[in-house]
């Protein structure tokens, strides 16, 4: 039994029981309490005929494509300028719900009809996560589709700057970008 059919069914049962109780109360005149209790027991044991529920599903054209629950959150007493999401799985949940953080370009920009765009409530956001976090997901591709191919920025360690492997990784990425630019220049110079 689905949740949307349960409430009308309960309403139907309550209405029919109230009607039987009103019938019983109308017959009260001139009868003793014992007679009324015996009649009441008879009425309480009578089964209420239930309406037949349709096994068919309702047409899907009236069903909204996306459901957002209305939750009344407590508002902060100040405006948020910068939001730091540290170790937050926010990107995963937004991606699973096909929600993009809006930059005001609309649905045509994303070129998919099942994606909805929500506007941010702060000026800037930093999504800080560990590279090996299993639920970490970048938020940048959910803001702008040009960021799909870009890698996240590594934050230097607080003790003594960047470690050797991070410096080497950035050096190789920088070298690859520069050699690609030189190659493109040589091809265009021909």
Protein backbone atom coordinates (compact mmCIF):
# COMPACT_ATOMS: atom_id res chain seq x y z
CA UNK A 1 0.00 0.00 0.00
CA UNK A 2 1.51 3.31 -1.02
CA UNK A 3 1.70 6.29 1.32
CA UNK A 4 -0.53 8.52 -0.80
CA UNK A 5 -3.47 6.08 -0.58
CA UNK A 6 -3.22 5.51 3.18
CA UNK A 7 -4.52 8.91 4.34
CA UNK A 8 -7.79 8.83 2.32
CA UNK A 9 -8.32 5.22 3.46
CA UNK A 10 -7.94 6.21 7.11
CA UNK A 11 -10.27 9.17 6.56
CA UNK A 12 -12.86 6.81 5.05
CA UNK A 13 -12.66 4.41 8.02
CA UNK A 14 -12.91 7.23 10.57
CA UNK A 15 -15.90 8.76 8.76
CA UNK A 16 -17.74 5.42 8.64
CA UNK A 17 -17.08 4.76 12.35
CA UNK A 18 -18.27 8.26 13.25
CA UNK A 19 -21.47 7.66 11.24
CA UNK A 20 -22.09 4.38 13.12
CA UNK A 21 -21.47 6.17 16.43
CA UNK A 22 -23.94 8.91 15.49
CA UNK A 23 -26.48 6.16 14.66
CA UNK A 24 -25.91 4.61 18.06
CA UNK A 25 -26.22 7.92 19.89
CA UNK A 26 -29.51 8.70 18.12
CA UNK A 27 -31.00 5.46 19.55
CA UNK A 28 -30.04 6.32 23.15
CA UNK A 29 -33.41 7.75 24.19
CA UNK A 30 -35.20 5.45 26.67
CA UNK A 31 -32.56 2.69 26.94
CA UNK A 32 -30.46 1.63 29.92
CA UNK A 33 -26.62 1.78 30.03
CA UNK A 34 -26.38 -2.05 29.84
CA UNK A 35 -28.48 -2.14 26.66
CA UNK A 36 -26.36 0.60 25.12
CA UNK A 37 -23.09 -1.18 26.01
CA UNK A 38 -24.27 -4.43 24.41
CA UNK A 39 -25.34 -2.60 21.24
CA UNK A 40 -22.04 -0.69 21.23
CA UNK A 41 -20.11 -4.00 21.39
CA UNK A 42 -22.08 -5.27 18.40
CA UNK A 43 -21.28 -2.12 16.42
CA UNK A 44 -17.59 -2.27 17.32
CA UNK A 45 -17.27 -5.85 16.01
CA UNK A 46 -18.86 -5.03 12.64
CA UNK A 47 -16.25 -4.92 9.90
CA UNK A 48 -16.10 -1.73 7.88
CA UNK A 49 -16.13 -2.41 4.14
CA UNK A 50 -12.93 -0.99 2.67
CA UNK A 51 -12.86 0.72 -0.71
CA UNK A 52 -11.01 -1.08 -3.48
CA UNK A 53 -7.66 0.48 -4.23
CA UNK A 54 -6.67 0.74 -7.84
CA UNK A 55 -3.58 -1.34 -8.66
CA UNK A 56 -2.76 1.01 -11.54
CA UNK A 57 -0.22 3.75 -11.03
CA UNK A 58 -1.36 7.31 -11.66
CA UNK A 59 -0.20 8.90 -14.92
CA UNK A 60 3.34 10.24 -14.73
CA UNK A 61 2.60 13.46 -16.59
CA UNK A 62 1.30 15.12 -13.42
CA UNK A 63 4.24 13.99 -11.30
CA UNK A 64 6.93 16.68 -10.85
CA UNK A 65 10.36 15.82 -12.23
CA UNK A 66 12.10 16.85 -9.03
CA UNK A 67 10.87 16.88 -5.47
CA UNK A 68 12.43 19.16 -2.89
CA UNK A 69 11.25 18.71 0.65
CA UNK A 70 10.27 21.90 2.41
CA UNK A 71 12.39 22.19 5.51
CA UNK A 72 12.31 25.29 7.66
CA UNK A 73 15.94 25.88 8.60
CA UNK A 74 17.04 28.29 11.30
CA UNK A 75 18.61 31.29 9.61
CA UNK A 76 21.93 32.75 10.66
CA UNK A 77 21.89 36.24 12.14
CA UNK A 78 24.62 37.38 9.72
CA UNK A 79 25.45 37.16 6.03
CA UNK A 80 27.94 34.48 4.97
CA UNK A 81 30.65 35.82 2.67
CA UNK A 82 32.99 32.81 2.47
CA UNK A 83 32.00 29.19 3.07
CA UNK A 84 34.61 26.53 3.86
CA UNK A 85 33.45 22.95 3.30
CA UNK A 86 36.13 20.87 5.04
CA UNK A 87 35.83 17.14 4.33
CA UNK A 88 32.24 17.63 3.23
CA UNK A 89 30.55 15.18 0.81
CA UNK A 90 28.49 18.09 -0.55
CA UNK A 91 29.73 17.55 -4.11
CA UNK A 92 28.62 13.90 -4.09
CA UNK A 93 25.11 14.71 -2.89
CA UNK A 94 24.67 17.58 -5.36
CA UNK A 95 25.92 15.39 -8.23
CA UNK A 96 23.57 12.53 -7.27
CA UNK A 97 20.60 14.92 -7.25
CA UNK A 98 21.62 16.53 -10.58
CA UNK A 99 21.84 19.93 -8.92
CA UNK A 100 24.30 22.53 -10.15
CA UNK A 101 25.34 25.58 -8.18
CA UNK A 102 24.11 28.41 -10.35
CA UNK A 103 26.19 31.04 -12.04
CA UNK A 104 23.13 32.50 -13.70
CA UNK A 105 23.44 30.86 -17.11
CA UNK A 106 20.41 28.61 -16.76
CA UNK A 107 19.53 25.16 -18.01
CA UNK A 108 20.57 25.85 -21.62
CA UNK A 109 24.18 26.15 -20.44
CA UNK A 110 24.17 22.61 -19.01
CA UNK A 111 22.43 21.17 -22.13
CA UNK A 112 20.50 18.57 -20.12
CA UNK A 113 16.85 18.82 -19.13
CA UNK A 114 17.14 16.84 -15.89
CA UNK A 115 19.65 19.24 -14.29
CA UNK A 116 18.42 22.05 -12.08
CA UNK A 117 20.41 25.10 -11.12
CA UNK A 118 20.30 26.55 -7.59
CA UNK A 119 21.80 29.92 -6.72
CA UNK A 120 24.49 30.08 -4.02
CA UNK A 121 23.92 31.92 -0.74
CA UNK A 122 27.51 33.13 -0.31
CA UNK A 123 30.07 35.03 -2.40
CA UNK A 124 32.82 32.38 -2.42
CA UNK A 125 33.22 28.77 -1.36
CA UNK A 126 36.25 26.60 -0.67
CA UNK A 127 35.82 22.83 -0.83
CA UNK A 128 38.74 21.36 1.13
CA UNK A 129 39.18 17.58 1.10
CA UNK A 130 41.89 14.96 1.30
CA UNK A 131 42.84 13.49 -2.10
CA UNK A 132 42.24 9.94 -0.85
CA UNK A 133 38.84 10.67 0.73
CA UNK A 134 36.39 8.08 -0.70
CA UNK A 135 33.39 10.45 -0.70
CA UNK A 136 35.25 13.60 -1.71
CA UNK A 137 34.03 15.11 -4.93
CA UNK A 138 34.94 18.40 -6.48
CA UNK A 139 32.27 21.08 -6.50
CA UNK A 140 33.85 23.14 -9.31
CA UNK A 141 32.42 20.99 -12.17
CA UNK A 142 28.99 21.52 -10.62
CA UNK A 143 29.48 25.29 -10.95
CA UNK A 144 31.04 25.56 -14.40
CA UNK A 145 31.33 22.77 -16.97
CA UNK A 146 34.71 24.09 -18.17
CA UNK A 147 36.21 22.77 -14.90
CA UNK A 148 35.53 19.10 -15.74
CA UNK A 149 39.05 18.57 -17.08
CA UNK A 150 40.93 20.65 -14.50
CA UNK A 151 42.53 19.07 -11.46
CA UNK A 152 41.99 20.29 -7.90
CA UNK A 153 44.59 22.63 -6.42
CA UNK A 154 46.87 21.08 -3.81
CA UNK A 155 47.17 23.03 -0.58
CA UNK A 156 50.68 23.20 0.89
CA UNK A 157 51.29 21.51 4.23
CA UNK A 158 51.39 23.73 7.30
CA UNK A 159 54.83 22.41 8.31
CA UNK A 160 57.63 23.54 6.04
CA UNK A 161 55.73 24.15 2.80
CA UNK A 162 55.13 21.59 0.08
CA UNK A 163 56.50 18.11 0.32
CA UNK A 164 58.78 16.78 -2.38
CA UNK A 165 56.18 14.62 -4.16
CA UNK A 166 53.71 17.53 -4.36
CA UNK A 167 56.38 19.85 -5.74
CA UNK A 168 57.41 17.20 -8.28
CA UNK A 169 53.79 16.64 -9.34
CA UNK A 170 53.24 20.37 -9.88
CA UNK A 171 56.56 20.61 -11.77
CA UNK A 172 55.57 17.81 -14.16
CA UNK A 173 52.11 19.33 -14.71
CA UNK A 174 53.69 22.72 -15.43
CA UNK A 175 56.22 21.11 -17.77
CA UNK A 176 53.44 19.28 -19.63
CA UNK A 177 51.46 22.50 -20.09
CA UNK A 178 54.51 24.37 -21.40
CA UNK A 179 55.56 21.60 -23.82
CA UNK A 180 51.98 21.41 -25.11
CA UNK A 181 52.02 25.19 -25.70
CA UNK A 182 55.38 24.95 -27.54
CA UNK A 183 54.07 22.06 -29.66
CA UNK A 184 50.96 24.05 -30.60
CA UNK A 185 53.13 27.06 -31.48
CA UNK A 186 55.38 24.92 -33.72
CA UNK A 187 52.37 23.39 -35.48
CA UNK A 188 50.78 26.79 -36.09
CA UNK A 189 54.12 28.23 -37.34
CA UNK A 190 54.30 25.78 -40.26
